[in-house]
Protein backbone atom coordinates (compact mmCIF):
# COMPACT_ATOMS: atom_id res chain seq x y z
CA UNK A 1 41.03 72.05 176.87
CA UNK A 2 41.44 74.03 180.25
CA UNK A 3 40.55 77.56 179.84
CA UNK A 4 43.40 80.17 180.05
CA UNK A 5 43.61 83.55 181.85
CA UNK A 6 43.87 85.84 178.97
CA UNK A 7 42.99 89.20 177.53
CA UNK A 8 39.96 89.22 175.29
CA UNK A 9 38.38 91.25 172.72
CA UNK A 10 34.83 90.48 171.58
CA UNK A 11 33.67 92.55 168.55
CA UNK A 12 30.20 92.55 167.20
CA UNK A 13 28.80 94.17 164.11
CA UNK A 14 25.54 96.17 165.21
CA UNK A 15 22.61 95.02 163.39
CA UNK A 16 24.21 92.12 161.50
CA UNK A 17 21.23 90.08 161.17
CA UNK A 18 19.31 93.10 159.79
CA UNK A 19 22.00 93.27 157.30
CA UNK A 20 21.85 89.72 156.32
CA UNK A 21 18.07 89.73 156.31
CA UNK A 22 18.18 92.88 153.87
CA UNK A 23 20.68 91.12 151.64
CA UNK A 24 18.32 87.99 151.11
CA UNK A 25 15.76 90.26 150.23
CA UNK A 26 17.86 91.69 147.48
CA UNK A 27 18.54 95.09 149.23
CA UNK A 28 21.50 96.92 150.70
CA UNK A 29 24.78 94.55 150.69
CA UNK A 30 25.32 91.67 148.39
CA UNK A 31 25.98 88.20 149.99
CA UNK A 32 29.45 88.67 148.87
CA UNK A 33 29.70 92.11 150.72
CA UNK A 34 28.16 90.58 153.83
CA UNK A 35 30.95 87.89 153.71
CA UNK A 36 33.54 90.90 153.16
CA UNK A 37 32.33 92.69 156.17
CA UNK A 38 32.60 89.45 158.35
CA UNK A 39 36.19 88.89 157.21
CA UNK A 40 37.31 92.28 158.39
CA UNK A 41 36.65 91.15 161.88
CA UNK A 42 39.35 88.71 161.54
CA UNK A 43 39.29 84.98 161.50
CA UNK A 44 40.26 81.66 159.60
CA UNK A 45 39.71 82.71 155.95
CA UNK A 46 41.22 86.00 156.57
CA UNK A 47 44.42 84.47 157.81
CA UNK A 48 44.06 85.79 161.15
CA UNK A 49 44.19 82.65 163.31
CA UNK A 50 47.27 83.80 165.09
CA UNK A 51 50.43 86.04 164.82
CA UNK A 52 53.05 83.56 163.47
CA UNK A 53 55.21 86.39 162.59
CA UNK A 54 55.41 87.90 166.12
CA UNK A 55 53.58 91.14 166.96
CA UNK A 56 52.21 93.61 164.30
CA UNK A 57 53.09 96.53 166.31
CA UNK A 58 55.15 97.49 168.94
CA UNK A 59 57.83 94.72 168.33
CA UNK A 60 60.02 95.90 171.22
CA UNK A 61 57.45 95.35 173.84
CA UNK A 62 57.36 92.24 176.02
CA UNK A 63 55.89 88.97 175.17
CA UNK A 64 55.79 85.52 176.61
CA UNK A 65 55.33 83.63 173.40
CA UNK A 66 56.58 84.68 169.96
CA UNK A 67 52.79 84.28 168.69
CA UNK A 68 51.51 85.97 171.89
CA UNK A 69 49.07 82.90 172.12
CA UNK A 70 46.82 84.87 169.87
CA UNK A 71 43.56 83.17 168.61
CA UNK A 72 40.42 84.32 166.93
CA UNK A 73 37.10 83.03 166.46
CA UNK A 74 34.61 84.65 164.05
CA UNK A 75 30.90 83.59 163.54
CA UNK A 76 27.69 85.11 162.47
CA UNK A 77 28.96 88.87 162.53
CA UNK A 78 31.00 88.87 165.50
CA UNK A 79 34.74 87.84 166.45
CA UNK A 80 36.64 86.74 169.86
CA UNK A 81 40.09 87.58 169.80
CA UNK A 82 42.34 86.32 172.78
CA UNK A 83 46.13 86.68 173.78
CA UNK A 84 48.57 86.05 176.44
CA UNK A 85 48.92 88.55 179.40
CA UNK A 86 51.87 90.61 178.29
CA UNK A 87 52.29 94.24 177.20
CA UNK A 88 53.00 93.03 173.66
CA UNK A 89 49.81 90.86 173.43
CA UNK A 90 47.75 93.49 175.03
CA UNK A 91 48.63 96.32 172.61
CA UNK A 92 48.28 93.71 169.68
CA UNK A 93 45.03 92.63 170.78
CA UNK A 94 43.63 96.31 171.00
CA UNK A 95 45.18 97.15 167.76
CA UNK A 96 43.61 94.14 166.01
CA UNK A 97 40.25 95.06 167.40
CA UNK A 98 40.60 98.74 166.48
CA UNK A 99 41.66 97.99 162.99
CA UNK A 100 38.49 95.70 162.71
CA UNK A 101 36.22 98.54 164.07
CA UNK A 102 37.96 101.26 161.84
CA UNK A 103 37.81 99.25 158.50
CA UNK A 104 34.11 98.37 159.21
CA UNK A 105 33.25 102.18 159.99
CA UNK A 106 34.73 103.14 156.80
CA UNK A 107 32.23 101.07 155.12
CA UNK A 108 29.50 102.68 157.21
CA UNK A 109 29.05 99.69 159.85
CA UNK A 110 29.19 100.23 163.57
CA UNK A 111 30.59 97.61 165.98
CA UNK A 112 30.00 97.26 169.90
CA UNK A 113 31.75 95.00 172.28
CA UNK A 114 34.52 95.09 174.88
CA UNK A 115 38.08 94.38 175.72
CA UNK A 116 38.59 92.56 179.08
CA UNK A 117 40.47 89.89 181.00
CA UNK A 118 39.08 86.49 181.75
CA UNK A 119 39.18 82.67 181.36
CA UNK A 120 38.56 81.40 177.96
CA UNK A 121 39.22 78.15 175.91
CA UNK A 122 39.71 78.17 172.24
CA UNK A 123 39.37 74.80 170.66
CA UNK A 124 41.31 74.38 167.47
CA UNK A 125 39.37 73.35 164.18
CA UNK A 126 40.24 70.17 162.39
CA UNK A 127 42.54 72.15 160.05
CA UNK A 128 44.23 73.62 162.86
CA UNK A 129 44.37 77.14 161.51
CA UNK A 130 41.70 78.82 163.62
CA UNK A 131 39.02 78.13 166.10
CA UNK A 132 35.71 76.73 165.47
CA UNK A 133 32.69 77.58 167.68
CA UNK A 134 30.01 76.71 165.01
CA UNK A 135 28.77 73.98 167.16
CA UNK A 136 26.19 73.79 169.91
CA UNK A 137 28.98 74.30 172.76
CA UNK A 138 30.42 77.13 170.55
CA UNK A 139 26.97 78.56 170.13
CA UNK A 140 26.50 78.60 173.93
CA UNK A 141 30.00 80.44 174.70
CA UNK A 142 29.42 82.95 171.88
CA UNK A 143 25.95 83.92 173.34
CA UNK A 144 27.67 84.45 176.74
CA UNK A 145 29.81 87.10 175.02
CA UNK A 146 26.70 88.48 173.36
CA UNK A 147 24.72 88.92 176.65
CA UNK A 148 27.52 90.69 178.23
CA UNK A 149 27.61 93.03 175.24
CA UNK A 150 23.87 93.48 175.77
CA UNK A 151 24.18 94.22 179.46
CA UNK A 152 26.71 96.91 178.87
CA UNK A 153 24.54 98.63 176.27
CA UNK A 154 27.18 100.68 174.59
CA UNK A 155 27.25 101.17 170.86
CA UNK A 156 31.15 101.10 170.85
CA UNK A 157 33.91 98.74 171.94
CA UNK A 158 34.56 99.34 175.52
CA UNK A 159 37.98 98.90 177.20
CA UNK A 160 37.86 97.73 180.69
CA UNK A 161 39.70 99.21 183.55
CA UNK A 162 41.69 95.93 184.07
CA UNK A 163 43.19 96.31 180.49
CA UNK A 164 43.81 100.07 180.95
CA UNK A 165 45.58 99.47 184.33
CA UNK A 166 47.71 96.67 183.04
CA UNK A 167 49.16 98.47 180.18
CA UNK A 168 49.72 101.80 182.70
CA UNK A 169 51.46 99.68 185.48
CA UNK A 170 53.66 97.62 182.93
CA UNK A 171 55.06 100.91 181.91
CA UNK A 172 55.92 99.63 178.46
CA UNK A 173 56.88 102.93 176.41
CA UNK A 174 55.66 101.63 173.10
CA UNK A 175 52.48 99.97 174.47
CA UNK A 176 51.51 103.10 176.51
CA UNK A 177 52.18 105.38 173.59
CA UNK A 178 50.11 103.32 171.18
CA UNK A 179 47.46 102.70 173.65
CA UNK A 180 46.86 106.53 173.92
CA UNK A 181 46.37 106.62 170.21
CA UNK A 182 43.93 103.84 169.90
CA UNK A 183 41.70 104.49 172.86
CA UNK A 184 39.65 107.56 174.18
CA UNK A 185 39.19 107.88 177.89
CA UNK A 186 36.81 110.65 178.90
CA UNK A 187 34.75 110.49 182.19
CA UNK A 188 33.27 107.03 182.63
CA UNK A 189 34.06 106.06 178.91
CA UNK A 190 37.13 104.00 177.82
CA UNK A 191 36.66 102.69 174.38
CA UNK A 192 38.40 102.21 170.96
CA UNK A 193 38.28 105.39 169.12
CA UNK A 194 38.72 105.14 165.40
CA UNK A 195 38.22 108.70 164.58
CA UNK A 196 41.84 109.45 165.53
CA UNK A 197 42.88 107.64 162.36
CA UNK A 198 40.77 110.25 160.42
CA UNK A 199 42.27 113.17 161.90
CA UNK A 200 42.64 115.82 159.05
CA UNK A 201 46.00 116.91 158.30
CA UNK A 202 47.44 118.60 155.51
CA UNK A 203 50.77 120.00 154.15
CA UNK A 204 51.23 123.71 153.22
CA UNK A 205 53.18 123.73 150.35
CA UNK A 206 53.34 125.93 146.99
CA UNK A 207 50.95 123.60 145.39
CA UNK A 208 48.56 123.48 148.32
CA UNK A 209 45.23 122.79 146.85
CA UNK A 210 42.45 124.42 149.29
CA UNK A 211 39.45 122.93 147.54
CA UNK A 212 41.06 119.48 147.91
CA UNK A 213 41.72 120.11 151.65
CA UNK A 214 38.20 121.37 151.89
CA UNK A 215 36.75 118.40 150.67
CA UNK A 216 39.01 116.01 152.74
CA UNK A 217 37.91 118.01 155.80
CA UNK A 218 34.21 117.87 154.77
CA UNK A 219 34.35 114.22 154.40
CA UNK A 220 35.87 113.95 157.83
CA UNK A 221 32.93 115.83 159.40
CA UNK A 222 30.34 113.49 157.56
CA UNK A 223 31.97 110.38 159.04
CA UNK A 224 32.05 111.89 162.65
CA UNK A 225 28.24 112.95 162.12
CA UNK A 226 27.48 109.49 160.92
CA UNK A 227 28.98 107.93 163.88
CA UNK A 228 27.17 110.50 166.21
CA UNK A 229 23.77 109.58 164.64
CA UNK A 230 24.64 105.82 164.68
CA UNK A 231 25.41 105.92 168.49
CA UNK A 232 22.55 107.89 169.34
CA UNK A 233 20.42 105.19 167.52
CA UNK A 234 21.86 102.20 169.08
CA UNK A 235 22.42 103.20 172.82
CA UNK A 236 20.31 101.44 175.19
CA UNK A 237 18.24 104.39 176.76
CA UNK A 238 17.10 101.94 179.64
CA UNK A 239 20.82 101.52 180.90
CA UNK A 240 22.04 104.73 182.74
CA UNK A 241 25.45 103.50 182.78
CA UNK A 242 25.58 102.99 179.01
CA UNK A 243 23.98 106.35 178.54
CA UNK A 244 26.54 108.27 180.58
CA UNK A 245 29.46 106.39 178.86
CA UNK A 246 28.08 107.07 175.33
CA UNK A 247 27.60 110.68 176.27
CA UNK A 248 31.20 110.90 177.39
CA UNK A 249 32.33 109.19 173.98
CA UNK A 250 29.93 111.59 172.13
CA UNK A 251 31.86 114.52 173.78
CA UNK A 252 35.11 113.04 172.40
CA UNK A 253 33.35 112.95 168.73
CA UNK A 254 32.23 116.71 169.31
CA UNK A 255 35.90 117.73 170.20
CA UNK A 256 37.04 116.24 166.78
CA UNK A 257 34.05 118.02 165.06
CA UNK A 258 35.34 121.39 166.54
CA UNK A 259 38.73 120.66 164.96
CA UNK A 260 37.05 120.21 161.66
CA UNK A 261 35.42 123.74 162.15
CA UNK A 262 38.92 125.21 163.01
CA UNK A 263 40.39 123.52 160.09
CA UNK A 264 37.71 125.08 157.63
CA UNK A 265 38.85 128.54 159.12
CA UNK A 266 42.36 127.77 158.66
CA UNK A 267 41.81 126.84 155.00
CA UNK A 268 39.86 129.88 154.52
CA UNK A 269 42.80 132.08 155.63
CA UNK A 270 44.99 130.29 153.39
CA UNK A 271 42.97 130.67 150.25
CA UNK A 272 43.17 134.52 150.68
CA UNK A 273 45.88 136.32 148.73
CA UNK A 274 48.99 137.37 150.49
CA UNK A 275 49.24 139.62 152.09
CA UNK A 276 46.28 138.60 153.92
CA UNK A 277 43.29 141.12 153.78
CA UNK A 278 41.20 141.19 157.01
CA UNK A 279 37.88 139.33 156.23
């Protein structure tokens, strides 16, 4: 099969080999839980070999093929997604990668990788449902993606400028809006930002439960701090570019933590009896 020019997302579970070794030693995740973590990356046994029903988000965005030529490979703690060069394809690729990263983060697992544009050939498996890179040639190609992630050294999923520029220049309203929700761009960093999904909100009604709102906000804060500690642990200190990008990404996390502090103050005000007394 001739390689195609496509958008590509490589998502890799950080420390996957260690998780597997610990599981075999009877510690940490069970083998079934390890398999469950891998399944969240997308792949044949999760029914994610393509998009036969069309785009999952932004259905009005332009596509070339109904299924966006969407293909997924998964093996050994990483997944490689690819799709056609269209606004609909690009935003659905970014969304699928974001979903994988977010679901794994909710289970305390951090991912790295990148979304870019390049030549790729996905060989169909005998079942015809998904791609099978569990061969010597597949191992070689997968290793090339891993080496690139190693070179970048960033402990999150980067979005290359070629993808950012494509979505901006196409000017598709839905794709542009969703891209802003899923990606943070600060300084040199452009990456999937799953924390936005955890942004704390609550409705102020007659039955407002301040204790419940406070507990939810505290949970948000713990998630942010956990992600910060993981990023500090896994960034490559010998790579100045990775260090700077990680600093920019951490600044976005700090901004979210500041919102948590403001939310605490708001909850404190709402807990006071009306008319409000000065603290």
